[in-house]
Amino acid sequence: MASGCETSPARGEHGQDEQVQRGARDEAAEDDERHRAFDFAAGFRDAAVSAYIAVLAAEDLRAISDWAATIRDSNLREQSLRRIAGEWMARNVEATLAWLPKSGLSAEAQRQIGAAEQTR
């Protein structure tokens, strides 16, 4: 009678069934593929939101901040908000300076935008 400690040909080194190991690898590969697809789609969404807030720029700085906060790509989010801040700075300095702390822009970006206005 077998003691249960033997390794059969269908089992791996640690006693796991090779079929289970293959299934786990396949599932991990599918998860990676789903993540890549999601990231790809998120990139399109981020670009669309960036374009949309450019349209909103003429109307509502608060709405821009809310929409920009949904952009996952931090570089695109910062770039979009900087562009909007620059456009608004040319139209309404006081409103832009009041908006900056709530904008979602980094402290460094806010400082640069404020400094750029002071040199005009």
PDB file of N, CA and C in Angstrom:
ATOM      1  N   MET A   1       0.841  -1.160   0.000  1.00  0.00           N
ATOM      2  CA  MET A   1       0.000   0.000   0.000  1.00  0.00           C
ATOM      3  C   MET A   1       0.897   1.236   0.000  1.00  0.00           C
ATOM      4  N   ALA A   2       0.491   2.262  -0.727  1.00  0.00           N
ATOM      5  CA  ALA A   2       1.279   3.480  -0.849  1.00  0.00           C
ATOM      6  C   ALA A   2       1.089   4.352   0.376  1.00  0.00           C
ATOM      7  N   SER A   3       2.136   5.054   0.728  1.00  0.00           N
ATOM      8  CA  SER A   3       2.094   5.890   1.928  1.00  0.00           C
ATOM      9  C   SER A   3       1.464   7.254   1.680  1.00  0.00           C
ATOM     10  N   GLY A   4       1.221   7.658   0.426  1.00  0.00           N
ATOM     11  CA  GLY A   4       0.655   8.959   0.102  1.00  0.00           C
ATOM     12  C   GLY A   4       1.710  10.033  -0.070  1.00  0.00           C
ATOM     13  N   CYS A   5       2.926   9.713   0.162  1.00  0.00           N
ATOM     14  CA  CYS A   5       4.006  10.698   0.043  1.00  0.00           C
ATOM     15  C   CYS A   5       4.723  10.579  -1.286  1.00  0.00           C
ATOM     16  N   GLU A   6       4.364   9.576  -2.078  1.00  0.00           N
ATOM     17  CA  GLU A   6       5.052   9.388  -3.339  1.00  0.00           C
ATOM     18  C   GLU A   6       4.580  10.404  -4.363  1.00  0.00           C
ATOM     19  N   THR A   7       5.439  10.672  -5.321  1.00  0.00           N
ATOM     20  CA  THR A   7       5.095  11.595  -6.391  1.00  0.00           C
ATOM     21  C   THR A   7       4.785  10.802  -7.637  1.00  0.00           C
ATOM     22  N   SER A   8       3.566  10.947  -8.141  1.00  0.00           N
ATOM     23  CA  SER A   8       3.183  10.240  -9.357  1.00  0.00           C
ATOM     24  C   SER A   8       3.694  11.017 -10.560  1.00  0.00           C
ATOM     25  N   PRO A   9       3.768  10.402 -11.755  1.00  0.00           N
ATOM     26  CA  PRO A   9       4.260  11.094 -12.941  1.00  0.00           C
ATOM     27  C   PRO A   9       3.441  12.330 -13.297  1.00  0.00           C
ATOM     28  N   ALA A  10       2.168  12.384 -12.898  1.00  0.00           N
ATOM     29  CA  ALA A  10       1.321  13.513 -13.247  1.00  0.00           C
ATOM     30  C   ALA A  10       1.474  14.670 -12.265  1.00  0.00           C
ATOM     31  N   ARG A  11       2.268  14.501 -11.245  1.00  0.00           N
ATOM     32  CA  ARG A  11       2.413  15.541 -10.226  1.00  0.00           C
ATOM     33  C   ARG A  11       3.773  16.226 -10.371  1.00  0.00           C
ATOM     34  N   GLY A  12       3.784  17.513  -9.991  1.00  0.00           N
ATOM     35  CA  GLY A  12       5.008  18.302 -10.051  1.00  0.00           C
ATOM     36  C   GLY A  12       5.877  18.041  -8.840  1.00  0.00           C
ATOM     37  N   GLU A  13       6.950  18.782  -8.746  1.00  0.00           N
ATOM     38  CA  GLU A  13       7.922  18.592  -7.681  1.00  0.00           C
ATOM     39  C   GLU A  13       7.315  18.754  -6.295  1.00  0.00           C
ATOM     40  N   HIS A  14       6.389  19.652  -6.131  1.00  0.00           N
ATOM     41  CA  HIS A  14       5.811  19.926  -4.826  1.00  0.00           C
ATOM     42  C   HIS A  14       4.461  19.240  -4.640  1.00  0.00           C
ATOM     43  N   GLY A  15       4.167  18.279  -5.441  1.00  0.00           N
ATOM     44  CA  GLY A  15       2.946  17.519  -5.300  1.00  0.00           C
ATOM     45  C   GLY A  15       1.734  18.176  -5.938  1.00  0.00           C
ATOM     46  N   GLN A  16       1.914  19.301  -6.636  1.00  0.00           N
ATOM     47  CA  GLN A  16       0.777  19.944  -7.293  1.00  0.00           C
ATOM     48  C   GLN A  16       0.546  19.279  -8.638  1.00  0.00           C
ATOM     49  N   ASP A  17      -0.666  19.152  -8.965  1.00  0.00           N
ATOM     50  CA  ASP A  17      -1.033  18.570 -10.238  1.00  0.00           C
ATOM     51  C   ASP A  17      -0.588  19.507 -11.366  1.00  0.00           C
ATOM     52  N   GLU A  18       0.118  18.982 -12.366  1.00  0.00           N
ATOM     53  CA  GLU A  18       0.612  19.804 -13.476  1.00  0.00           C
ATOM     54  C   GLU A  18      -0.520  20.491 -14.219  1.00  0.00           C
ATOM     55  N   GLN A  19      -1.646  19.849 -14.293  1.00  0.00           N
ATOM     56  CA  GLN A  19      -2.799  20.454 -14.964  1.00  0.00           C
ATOM     57  C   GLN A  19      -3.262  21.697 -14.190  1.00  0.00           C
ATOM     58  N   VAL A  20      -3.246  21.638 -12.890  1.00  0.00           N
ATOM     59  CA  VAL A  20      -3.612  22.791 -12.071  1.00  0.00           C
ATOM     60  C   VAL A  20      -2.606  23.909 -12.284  1.00  0.00           C
ATOM     61  N   GLN A  21      -1.319  23.562 -12.360  1.00  0.00           N
ATOM     62  CA  GLN A  21      -0.291  24.568 -12.596  1.00  0.00           C
ATOM     63  C   GLN A  21      -0.490  25.241 -13.949  1.00  0.00           C
ATOM     64  N   ARG A  22      -0.781  24.427 -14.984  1.00  0.00           N
ATOM     65  CA  ARG A  22      -1.033  24.990 -16.315  1.00  0.00           C
ATOM     66  C   ARG A  22      -2.237  25.906 -16.272  1.00  0.00           C
ATOM     67  N   GLY A  23      -3.278  25.479 -15.590  1.00  0.00           N
ATOM     68  CA  GLY A  23      -4.492  26.298 -15.482  1.00  0.00           C
ATOM     69  C   GLY A  23      -4.217  27.625 -14.795  1.00  0.00           C
ATOM     70  N   ALA A  24      -3.402  27.591 -13.763  1.00  0.00           N
ATOM     71  CA  ALA A  24      -3.051  28.816 -13.049  1.00  0.00           C
ATOM     72  C   ALA A  24      -2.246  29.753 -13.943  1.00  0.00           C
ATOM     73  N   ARG A  25      -1.314  29.182 -14.732  1.00  0.00           N
ATOM     74  CA  ARG A  25      -0.529  30.012 -15.655  1.00  0.00           C
ATOM     75  C   ARG A  25      -1.433  30.621 -16.722  1.00  0.00           C
ATOM     76  N   ASP A  26      -2.356  29.812 -17.253  1.00  0.00           N
ATOM     77  CA  ASP A  26      -3.281  30.315 -18.272  1.00  0.00           C
ATOM     78  C   ASP A  26      -4.157  31.430 -17.708  1.00  0.00           C
ATOM     79  N   GLU A  27      -4.627  31.256 -16.495  1.00  0.00           N
ATOM     80  CA  GLU A  27      -5.467  32.271 -15.861  1.00  0.00           C
ATOM     81  C   GLU A  27      -4.684  33.556 -15.626  1.00  0.00           C
ATOM     82  N   ALA A  28      -3.443  33.428 -15.212  1.00  0.00           N
ATOM     83  CA  ALA A  28      -2.596  34.610 -15.005  1.00  0.00           C
ATOM     84  C   ALA A  28      -2.365  35.336 -16.325  1.00  0.00           C
ATOM     85  N   ALA A  29      -2.155  34.584 -17.402  1.00  0.00           N
ATOM     86  CA  ALA A  29      -1.953  35.187 -18.719  1.00  0.00           C
ATOM     87  C   ALA A  29      -3.217  35.922 -19.165  1.00  0.00           C
ATOM     88  N   GLU A  30      -4.383  35.328 -18.904  1.00  0.00           N
ATOM     89  CA  GLU A  30      -5.652  35.986 -19.243  1.00  0.00           C
ATOM     90  C   GLU A  30      -5.837  37.260 -18.429  1.00  0.00           C
ATOM     91  N   ASP A  31      -5.467  37.216 -17.149  1.00  0.00           N
ATOM     92  CA  ASP A  31      -5.548  38.416 -16.311  1.00  0.00           C
ATOM     93  C   ASP A  31      -4.643  39.513 -16.854  1.00  0.00           C
ATOM     94  N   ASP A  32      -3.419  39.156 -17.256  1.00  0.00           N
ATOM     95  CA  ASP A  32      -2.504  40.136 -17.831  1.00  0.00           C
ATOM     96  C   ASP A  32      -3.100  40.745 -19.096  1.00  0.00           C
ATOM     97  N   GLU A  33      -3.703  39.916 -19.921  1.00  0.00           N
ATOM     98  CA  GLU A  33      -4.306  40.396 -21.160  1.00  0.00           C
ATOM     99  C   GLU A  33      -5.462  41.349 -20.864  1.00  0.00           C
ATOM    100  N   ARG A  34      -6.290  41.003 -19.873  1.00  0.00           N
ATOM    101  CA  ARG A  34      -7.402  41.887 -19.494  1.00  0.00           C
ATOM    102  C   ARG A  34      -6.872  43.212 -18.966  1.00  0.00           C
ATOM    103  N   HIS A  35      -5.796  43.182 -18.174  1.00  0.00           N
ATOM    104  CA  HIS A  35      -5.227  44.414 -17.644  1.00  0.00           C
ATOM    105  C   HIS A  35      -4.670  45.294 -18.771  1.00  0.00           C
ATOM    106  N   ARG A  36      -4.000  44.670 -19.738  1.00  0.00           N
ATOM    107  CA  ARG A  36      -3.478  45.440 -20.872  1.00  0.00           C
ATOM    108  C   ARG A  36      -4.619  46.070 -21.666  1.00  0.00           C
ATOM    109  N   ALA A  37      -5.690  45.331 -21.880  1.00  0.00           N
ATOM    110  CA  ALA A  37      -6.838  45.858 -22.616  1.00  0.00           C
ATOM    111  C   ALA A  37      -7.478  47.016 -21.852  1.00  0.00           C
ATOM    112  N   PHE A  38      -7.590  46.859 -20.533  1.00  0.00           N
ATOM    113  CA  PHE A  38      -8.165  47.920 -19.716  1.00  0.00           C
ATOM    114  C   PHE A  38      -7.294  49.170 -19.771  1.00  0.00           C
ATOM    115  N   ASP A  39      -5.983  49.002 -19.637  1.00  0.00           N
ATOM    116  CA  ASP A  39      -5.072  50.140 -19.694  1.00  0.00           C
ATOM    117  C   ASP A  39      -5.127  50.822 -21.060  1.00  0.00           C
ATOM    118  N   PHE A  40      -5.252  50.035 -22.116  1.00  0.00           N
ATOM    119  CA  PHE A  40      -5.358  50.571 -23.471  1.00  0.00           C
ATOM    120  C   PHE A  40      -6.617  51.417 -23.591  1.00  0.00           C
ATOM    121  N   ALA A  41      -7.742  50.875 -23.113  1.00  0.00           N
ATOM    122  CA  ALA A  41      -9.017  51.597 -23.165  1.00  0.00           C
ATOM    123  C   ALA A  41      -8.966  52.837 -22.280  1.00  0.00           C
ATOM    124  N   ALA A  42      -8.336  52.731 -21.131  1.00  0.00           N
ATOM    125  CA  ALA A  42      -8.236  53.867 -20.214  1.00  0.00           C
ATOM    126  C   ALA A  42      -7.448  55.006 -20.867  1.00  0.00           C
ATOM    127  N   GLY A  43      -6.460  54.667 -21.669  1.00  0.00           N
ATOM    128  CA  GLY A  43      -5.695  55.694 -22.378  1.00  0.00           C
ATOM    129  C   GLY A  43      -6.574  56.476 -23.334  1.00  0.00           C
ATOM    130  N   PHE A  44      -7.466  55.795 -24.053  1.00  0.00           N
ATOM    131  CA  PHE A  44      -8.406  56.474 -24.944  1.00  0.00           C
ATOM    132  C   PHE A  44      -9.366  57.348 -24.142  1.00  0.00           C
ATOM    133  N   ARG A  45      -9.837  56.830 -23.006  1.00  0.00           N
ATOM    134  CA  ARG A  45     -10.756  57.581 -22.170  1.00  0.00           C
ATOM    135  C   ARG A  45     -10.072  58.834 -21.648  1.00  0.00           C
ATOM    136  N   ASP A  46      -8.828  58.696 -21.185  1.00  0.00           N
ATOM    137  CA  ASP A  46      -8.092  59.848 -20.684  1.00  0.00           C
ATOM    138  C   ASP A  46      -7.954  60.919 -21.757  1.00  0.00           C
ATOM    139  N   ALA A  47      -7.646  60.514 -22.971  1.00  0.00           N
ATOM    140  CA  ALA A  47      -7.503  61.471 -24.073  1.00  0.00           C
ATOM    141  C   ALA A  47      -8.827  62.163 -24.364  1.00  0.00           C
ATOM    142  N   ALA A  48      -9.919  61.405 -24.306  1.00  0.00           N
ATOM    143  CA  ALA A  48     -11.241  61.993 -24.540  1.00  0.00           C
ATOM    144  C   ALA A  48     -11.595  62.996 -23.441  1.00  0.00           C
ATOM    145  N   VAL A  49     -11.316  62.661 -22.204  1.00  0.00           N
ATOM    146  CA  VAL A  49     -11.599  63.581 -21.096  1.00  0.00           C
ATOM    147  C   VAL A  49     -10.740  64.836 -21.227  1.00  0.00           C
ATOM    148  N   SER A  50      -9.489  64.670 -21.599  1.00  0.00           N
ATOM    149  CA  SER A  50      -8.607  65.819 -21.791  1.00  0.00           C
ATOM    150  C   SER A  50      -9.174  66.753 -22.863  1.00  0.00           C
ATOM    151  N   ALA A  51      -9.651  66.190 -23.952  1.00  0.00           N
ATOM    152  CA  ALA A  51     -10.250  67.005 -25.023  1.00  0.00           C
ATOM    153  C   ALA A  51     -11.531  67.681 -24.533  1.00  0.00           C
ATOM    154  N   TYR A  52     -12.326  66.951 -23.759  1.00  0.00           N
ATOM    155  CA  TYR A  52     -13.581  67.496 -23.248  1.00  0.00           C
ATOM    156  C   TYR A  52     -13.330  68.666 -22.305  1.00  0.00           C
ATOM    157  N   ILE A  53     -12.338  68.556 -21.423  1.00  0.00           N
ATOM    158  CA  ILE A  53     -12.096  69.672 -20.514  1.00  0.00           C
ATOM    159  C   ILE A  53     -11.537  70.882 -21.257  1.00  0.00           C
ATOM    160  N   ALA A  54     -10.914  70.667 -22.394  1.00  0.00           N
ATOM    161  CA  ALA A  54     -10.469  71.795 -23.209  1.00  0.00           C
ATOM    162  C   ALA A  54     -11.680  72.564 -23.725  1.00  0.00           C
ATOM    163  N   VAL A  55     -12.755  71.852 -24.055  1.00  0.00           N
ATOM    164  CA  VAL A  55     -13.995  72.491 -24.494  1.00  0.00           C
ATOM    165  C   VAL A  55     -14.646  73.219 -23.317  1.00  0.00           C
ATOM    166  N   LEU A  56     -14.629  72.589 -22.146  1.00  0.00           N
ATOM    167  CA  LEU A  56     -15.211  73.206 -20.949  1.00  0.00           C
ATOM    168  C   LEU A  56     -14.430  74.426 -20.484  1.00  0.00           C
ATOM    169  N   ALA A  57     -13.216  74.559 -20.924  1.00  0.00           N
ATOM    170  CA  ALA A  57     -12.329  75.609 -20.417  1.00  0.00           C
ATOM    171  C   ALA A  57     -12.962  76.990 -20.486  1.00  0.00           C
ATOM    172  N   ALA A  58     -13.746  77.217 -21.471  1.00  0.00           N
ATOM    173  CA  ALA A  58     -14.357  78.536 -21.629  1.00  0.00           C
ATOM    174  C   ALA A  58     -15.483  78.770 -20.628  1.00  0.00           C
ATOM    175  N   GLU A  59     -15.914  77.721 -19.945  1.00  0.00           N
ATOM    176  CA  GLU A  59     -17.111  77.849 -19.134  1.00  0.00           C
ATOM    177  C   GLU A  59     -16.915  77.706 -17.635  1.00  0.00           C
ATOM    178  N   ASP A  60     -16.276  76.645 -17.170  1.00  0.00           N
ATOM    179  CA  ASP A  60     -16.385  76.305 -15.764  1.00  0.00           C
ATOM    180  C   ASP A  60     -15.115  75.643 -15.239  1.00  0.00           C
ATOM    181  N   LEU A  61     -14.326  76.414 -14.497  1.00  0.00           N
ATOM    182  CA  LEU A  61     -13.083  75.866 -13.956  1.00  0.00           C
ATOM    183  C   LEU A  61     -13.339  74.726 -12.968  1.00  0.00           C
ATOM    184  N   ARG A  62     -14.394  74.809 -12.181  1.00  0.00           N
ATOM    185  CA  ARG A  62     -14.679  73.753 -11.197  1.00  0.00           C
ATOM    186  C   ARG A  62     -14.990  72.428 -11.893  1.00  0.00           C
ATOM    187  N   ALA A  63     -15.785  72.486 -12.947  1.00  0.00           N
ATOM    188  CA  ALA A  63     -16.109  71.262 -13.692  1.00  0.00           C
ATOM    189  C   ALA A  63     -14.851  70.671 -14.316  1.00  0.00           C
ATOM    190  N   ILE A  64     -13.951  71.532 -14.755  1.00  0.00           N
ATOM    191  CA  ILE A  64     -12.697  71.059 -15.338  1.00  0.00           C
ATOM    192  C   ILE A  64     -11.919  70.251 -14.309  1.00  0.00           C
ATOM    193  N   SER A  65     -11.816  70.757 -13.090  1.00  0.00           N
ATOM    194  CA  SER A  65     -11.091  70.049 -12.037  1.00  0.00           C
ATOM    195  C   SER A  65     -11.717  68.699 -11.756  1.00  0.00           C
ATOM    196  N   ASP A  66     -13.050  68.666 -11.695  1.00  0.00           N
ATOM    197  CA  ASP A  66     -13.748  67.404 -11.427  1.00  0.00           C
ATOM    198  C   ASP A  66     -13.479  66.384 -12.520  1.00  0.00           C
ATOM    199  N   TRP A  67     -13.559  66.818 -13.772  1.00  0.00           N
ATOM    200  CA  TRP A  67     -13.303  65.898 -14.884  1.00  0.00           C
ATOM    201  C   TRP A  67     -11.830  65.498 -14.939  1.00  0.00           C
ATOM    202  N   ALA A  68     -10.965  66.451 -14.748  1.00  0.00           N
ATOM    203  CA  ALA A  68      -9.524  66.155 -14.813  1.00  0.00           C
ATOM    204  C   ALA A  68      -9.119  65.138 -13.759  1.00  0.00           C
ATOM    205  N   ALA A  69      -9.772  65.174 -12.619  1.00  0.00           N
ATOM    206  CA  ALA A  69      -9.447  64.225 -11.554  1.00  0.00           C
ATOM    207  C   ALA A  69      -9.697  62.783 -11.982  1.00  0.00           C
ATOM    208  N   THR A  70     -10.502  62.570 -13.015  1.00  0.00           N
ATOM    209  CA  THR A  70     -10.787  61.211 -13.482  1.00  0.00           C
ATOM    210  C   THR A  70      -9.756  60.699 -14.478  1.00  0.00           C
ATOM    211  N   ILE A  71      -8.825  61.538 -14.905  1.00  0.00           N
ATOM    212  CA  ILE A  71      -7.783  61.113 -15.849  1.00  0.00           C
ATOM    213  C   ILE A  71      -6.740  60.312 -15.076  1.00  0.00           C
ATOM    214  N   ARG A  72      -6.573  59.046 -15.431  1.00  0.00           N
ATOM    215  CA  ARG A  72      -5.648  58.157 -14.719  1.00  0.00           C
ATOM    216  C   ARG A  72      -4.188  58.489 -14.976  1.00  0.00           C
ATOM    217  N   ASP A  73      -3.890  58.920 -16.175  1.00  0.00           N
ATOM    218  CA  ASP A  73      -2.516  59.241 -16.558  1.00  0.00           C
ATOM    219  C   ASP A  73      -2.137  60.580 -15.927  1.00  0.00           C
ATOM    220  N   SER A  74      -1.306  60.559 -14.903  1.00  0.00           N
ATOM    221  CA  SER A  74      -0.987  61.779 -14.158  1.00  0.00           C
ATOM    222  C   SER A  74      -0.308  62.839 -15.032  1.00  0.00           C
ATOM    223  N   ASN A  75       0.508  62.421 -15.988  1.00  0.00           N
ATOM    224  CA  ASN A  75       1.165  63.391 -16.876  1.00  0.00           C
ATOM    225  C   ASN A  75       0.151  64.095 -17.767  1.00  0.00           C
ATOM    226  N   LEU A  76      -0.784  63.336 -18.327  1.00  0.00           N
ATOM    227  CA  LEU A  76      -1.817  63.927 -19.178  1.00  0.00           C
ATOM    228  C   LEU A  76      -2.722  64.834 -18.348  1.00  0.00           C
ATOM    229  N   ARG A  77      -3.059  64.406 -17.126  1.00  0.00           N
ATOM    230  CA  ARG A  77      -3.902  65.224 -16.244  1.00  0.00           C
ATOM    231  C   ARG A  77      -3.215  66.564 -15.959  1.00  0.00           C
ATOM    232  N   GLU A  78      -1.944  66.516 -15.579  1.00  0.00           N
ATOM    233  CA  GLU A  78      -1.200  67.740 -15.270  1.00  0.00           C
ATOM    234  C   GLU A  78      -1.077  68.626 -16.505  1.00  0.00           C
ATOM    235  N   GLN A  79      -0.766  68.030 -17.641  1.00  0.00           N
ATOM    236  CA  GLN A  79      -0.628  68.790 -18.886  1.00  0.00           C
ATOM    237  C   GLN A  79      -1.946  69.483 -19.240  1.00  0.00           C
ATOM    238  N   SER A  80      -3.054  68.767 -19.102  1.00  0.00           N
ATOM    239  CA  SER A  80      -4.367  69.334 -19.417  1.00  0.00           C
ATOM    240  C   SER A  80      -4.695  70.500 -18.493  1.00  0.00           C
ATOM    241  N   LEU A  81      -4.465  70.311 -17.206  1.00  0.00           N
ATOM    242  CA  LEU A  81      -4.766  71.366 -16.245  1.00  0.00           C
ATOM    243  C   LEU A  81      -3.851  72.579 -16.426  1.00  0.00           C
ATOM    244  N   ARG A  82      -2.601  72.349 -16.760  1.00  0.00           N
ATOM    245  CA  ARG A  82      -1.685  73.472 -17.014  1.00  0.00           C
ATOM    246  C   ARG A  82      -2.166  74.282 -18.221  1.00  0.00           C
ATOM    247  N   ARG A  83      -2.577  73.591 -19.269  1.00  0.00           N
ATOM    248  CA  ARG A  83      -3.064  74.274 -20.475  1.00  0.00           C
ATOM    249  C   ARG A  83      -4.282  75.134 -20.137  1.00  0.00           C
ATOM    250  N   ILE A  84      -5.212  74.564 -19.383  1.00  0.00           N
ATOM    251  CA  ILE A  84      -6.427  75.280 -19.008  1.00  0.00           C
ATOM    252  C   ILE A  84      -6.079  76.480 -18.120  1.00  0.00           C
ATOM    253  N   ALA A  85      -5.180  76.277 -17.161  1.00  0.00           N
ATOM    254  CA  ALA A  85      -4.782  77.376 -16.271  1.00  0.00           C
ATOM    255  C   ALA A  85      -4.184  78.520 -17.077  1.00  0.00           C
ATOM    256  N   GLY A  86      -3.360  78.187 -18.065  1.00  0.00           N
ATOM    257  CA  GLY A  86      -2.769  79.225 -18.907  1.00  0.00           C
ATOM    258  C   GLY A  86      -3.814  80.004 -19.684  1.00  0.00           C
ATOM    259  N   GLU A  87      -4.803  79.300 -20.224  1.00  0.00           N
ATOM    260  CA  GLU A  87      -5.875  79.971 -20.966  1.00  0.00           C
ATOM    261  C   GLU A  87      -6.693  80.871 -20.042  1.00  0.00           C
ATOM    262  N   TRP A  88      -7.005  80.363 -18.871  1.00  0.00           N
ATOM    263  CA  TRP A  88      -7.801  81.144 -17.916  1.00  0.00           C
ATOM    264  C   TRP A  88      -6.999  82.310 -17.365  1.00  0.00           C
ATOM    265  N   MET A  89      -5.724  82.138 -17.162  1.00  0.00           N
ATOM    266  CA  MET A  89      -4.894  83.206 -16.629  1.00  0.00           C
ATOM    267  C   MET A  89      -4.961  84.422 -17.556  1.00  0.00           C
ATOM    268  N   ALA A  90      -5.020  84.183 -18.850  1.00  0.00           N
ATOM    269  CA  ALA A  90      -5.097  85.275 -19.815  1.00  0.00           C
ATOM    270  C   ALA A  90      -6.449  85.992 -19.743  1.00  0.00           C
ATOM    271  N   ARG A  91      -7.481  85.312 -19.286  1.00  0.00           N
ATOM    272  CA  ARG A  91      -8.834  85.896 -19.228  1.00  0.00           C
ATOM    273  C   ARG A  91      -9.194  86.490 -17.872  1.00  0.00           C
ATOM    274  N   ASN A  92      -8.826  85.754 -16.801  1.00  0.00           N
ATOM    275  CA  ASN A  92      -9.285  86.161 -15.480  1.00  0.00           C
ATOM    276  C   ASN A  92      -8.265  85.701 -14.431  1.00  0.00           C
ATOM    277  N   VAL A  93      -7.320  86.570 -14.159  1.00  0.00           N
ATOM    278  CA  VAL A  93      -6.212  86.234 -13.258  1.00  0.00           C
ATOM    279  C   VAL A  93      -6.743  85.874 -11.868  1.00  0.00           C
ATOM    280  N   GLU A  94      -7.619  86.702 -11.324  1.00  0.00           N
ATOM    281  CA  GLU A  94      -8.112  86.467  -9.963  1.00  0.00           C
ATOM    282  C   GLU A  94      -8.817  85.123  -9.839  1.00  0.00           C
ATOM    283  N   ALA A  95      -9.686  84.811 -10.781  1.00  0.00           N
ATOM    284  CA  ALA A  95     -10.418  83.535 -10.732  1.00  0.00           C
ATOM    285  C   ALA A  95      -9.453  82.360 -10.852  1.00  0.00           C
ATOM    286  N   THR A  96      -8.452  82.507 -11.705  1.00  0.00           N
ATOM    287  CA  THR A  96      -7.482  81.422 -11.893  1.00  0.00           C
ATOM    288  C   THR A  96      -6.660  81.208 -10.629  1.00  0.00           C
ATOM    289  N   LEU A  97      -6.184  82.280 -10.038  1.00  0.00           N
ATOM    290  CA  LEU A  97      -5.389  82.168  -8.813  1.00  0.00           C
ATOM    291  C   LEU A  97      -6.218  81.579  -7.669  1.00  0.00           C
ATOM    292  N   ALA A  98      -7.503  81.902  -7.623  1.00  0.00           N
ATOM    293  CA  ALA A  98      -8.384  81.327  -6.602  1.00  0.00           C
ATOM    294  C   ALA A  98      -8.634  79.843  -6.868  1.00  0.00           C
ATOM    295  N   TRP A  99      -8.648  79.458  -8.128  1.00  0.00           N
ATOM    296  CA  TRP A  99      -8.921  78.072  -8.523  1.00  0.00           C
ATOM    297  C   TRP A  99      -7.718  77.156  -8.334  1.00  0.00           C
ATOM    298  N   LEU A 100      -6.521  77.678  -8.503  1.00  0.00           N
ATOM    299  CA  LEU A 100      -5.321  76.849  -8.487  1.00  0.00           C
ATOM    300  C   LEU A 100      -5.230  75.900  -7.285  1.00  0.00           C
ATOM    301  N   PRO A 101      -5.468  76.348  -6.038  1.00  0.00           N
ATOM    302  CA  PRO A 101      -5.336  75.413  -4.907  1.00  0.00           C
ATOM    303  C   PRO A 101      -6.334  74.248  -4.954  1.00  0.00           C
ATOM    304  N   LYS A 102      -7.430  74.431  -5.692  1.00  0.00           N
ATOM    305  CA  LYS A 102      -8.452  73.377  -5.804  1.00  0.00           C
ATOM    306  C   LYS A 102      -8.340  72.609  -7.116  1.00  0.00           C
ATOM    307  N   SER A 103      -7.377  72.977  -7.934  1.00  0.00           N
ATOM    308  CA  SER A 103      -7.288  72.466  -9.302  1.00  0.00           C
ATOM    309  C   SER A 103      -6.843  71.013  -9.420  1.00  0.00           C
ATOM    310  N   GLY A 104      -6.114  70.534  -8.412  1.00  0.00           N
ATOM    311  CA  GLY A 104      -5.527  69.201  -8.525  1.00  0.00           C
ATOM    312  C   GLY A 104      -4.117  69.237  -9.078  1.00  0.00           C
ATOM    313  N   LEU A 105      -3.653  70.419  -9.447  1.00  0.00           N
ATOM    314  CA  LEU A 105      -2.276  70.563  -9.918  1.00  0.00           C
ATOM    315  C   LEU A 105      -1.311  70.427  -8.749  1.00  0.00           C
ATOM    316  N   SER A 106      -0.125  69.962  -9.042  1.00  0.00           N
ATOM    317  CA  SER A 106       0.900  69.838  -8.007  1.00  0.00           C
ATOM    318  C   SER A 106       1.253  71.230  -7.485  1.00  0.00           C
ATOM    319  N   ALA A 107       1.795  71.273  -6.289  1.00  0.00           N
ATOM    320  CA  ALA A 107       2.214  72.547  -5.692  1.00  0.00           C
ATOM    321  C   ALA A 107       3.237  73.242  -6.588  1.00  0.00           C
ATOM    322  N   GLU A 108       4.144  72.461  -7.181  1.00  0.00           N
ATOM    323  CA  GLU A 108       5.163  73.029  -8.069  1.00  0.00           C
ATOM    324  C   GLU A 108       4.519  73.663  -9.299  1.00  0.00           C
ATOM    325  N   ALA A 109       3.539  72.989  -9.899  1.00  0.00           N
ATOM    326  CA  ALA A 109       2.856  73.533 -11.074  1.00  0.00           C
ATOM    327  C   ALA A 109       2.109  74.817 -10.706  1.00  0.00           C
ATOM    328  N   GLN A 110       1.459  74.812  -9.551  1.00  0.00           N
ATOM    329  CA  GLN A 110       0.746  76.010  -9.110  1.00  0.00           C
ATOM    330  C   GLN A 110       1.719  77.182  -8.927  1.00  0.00           C
ATOM    331  N   ARG A 111       2.866  76.891  -8.324  1.00  0.00           N
ATOM    332  CA  ARG A 111       3.874  77.927  -8.119  1.00  0.00           C
ATOM    333  C   ARG A 111       4.361  78.482  -9.457  1.00  0.00           C
ATOM    334  N   GLN A 112       4.614  77.599 -10.410  1.00  0.00           N
ATOM    335  CA  GLN A 112       5.099  78.029 -11.726  1.00  0.00           C
ATOM    336  C   GLN A 112       4.059  78.886 -12.445  1.00  0.00           C
ATOM    337  N   ILE A 113       2.809  78.494 -12.365  1.00  0.00           N
ATOM    338  CA  ILE A 113       1.740  79.250 -13.038  1.00  0.00           C
ATOM    339  C   ILE A 113       1.598  80.639 -12.387  1.00  0.00           C
ATOM    340  N   GLY A 114       1.625  80.662 -11.065  1.00  0.00           N
ATOM    341  CA  GLY A 114       1.546  81.940 -10.360  1.00  0.00           C
ATOM    342  C   GLY A 114       2.742  82.832 -10.665  1.00  0.00           C
ATOM    343  N   ALA A 115       3.924  82.249 -10.724  1.00  0.00           N
ATOM    344  CA  ALA A 115       5.137  83.005 -11.024  1.00  0.00           C
ATOM    345  C   ALA A 115       5.101  83.542 -12.443  1.00  0.00           C
ATOM    346  N   ALA A 116       4.583  82.755 -13.371  1.00  0.00           N
ATOM    347  CA  ALA A 116       4.490  83.189 -14.767  1.00  0.00           C
ATOM    348  C   ALA A 116       3.571  84.405 -14.865  1.00  0.00           C
ATOM    349  N   GLU A 117       2.522  84.428 -14.093  1.00  0.00           N
ATOM    350  CA  GLU A 117       1.606  85.566 -14.105  1.00  0.00           C
ATOM    351  C   GLU A 117       2.280  86.808 -13.556  1.00  0.00           C
ATOM    352  N   GLN A 118       3.102  86.662 -12.552  1.00  0.00           N
ATOM    353  CA  GLN A 118       3.763  87.818 -11.945  1.00  0.00           C
ATOM    354  C   GLN A 118       4.786  88.454 -12.890  1.00  0.00           C
ATOM    355  N   THR A 119       5.301  87.680 -13.851  1.00  0.00           N
ATOM    356  CA  THR A 119       6.283  88.224 -14.785  1.00  0.00           C
ATOM    357  C   THR A 119       5.641  88.909 -15.985  1.00  0.00           C
ATOM    358  N   ARG A 120       4.317  88.836 -16.092  1.00  0.00           N
ATOM    359  CA  ARG A 120       3.625  89.500 -17.230  1.00  0.00           C
ATOM    360  C   ARG A 120       3.553  90.973 -17.051  1.00  0.00           C
TER     361      ARG A 120
END
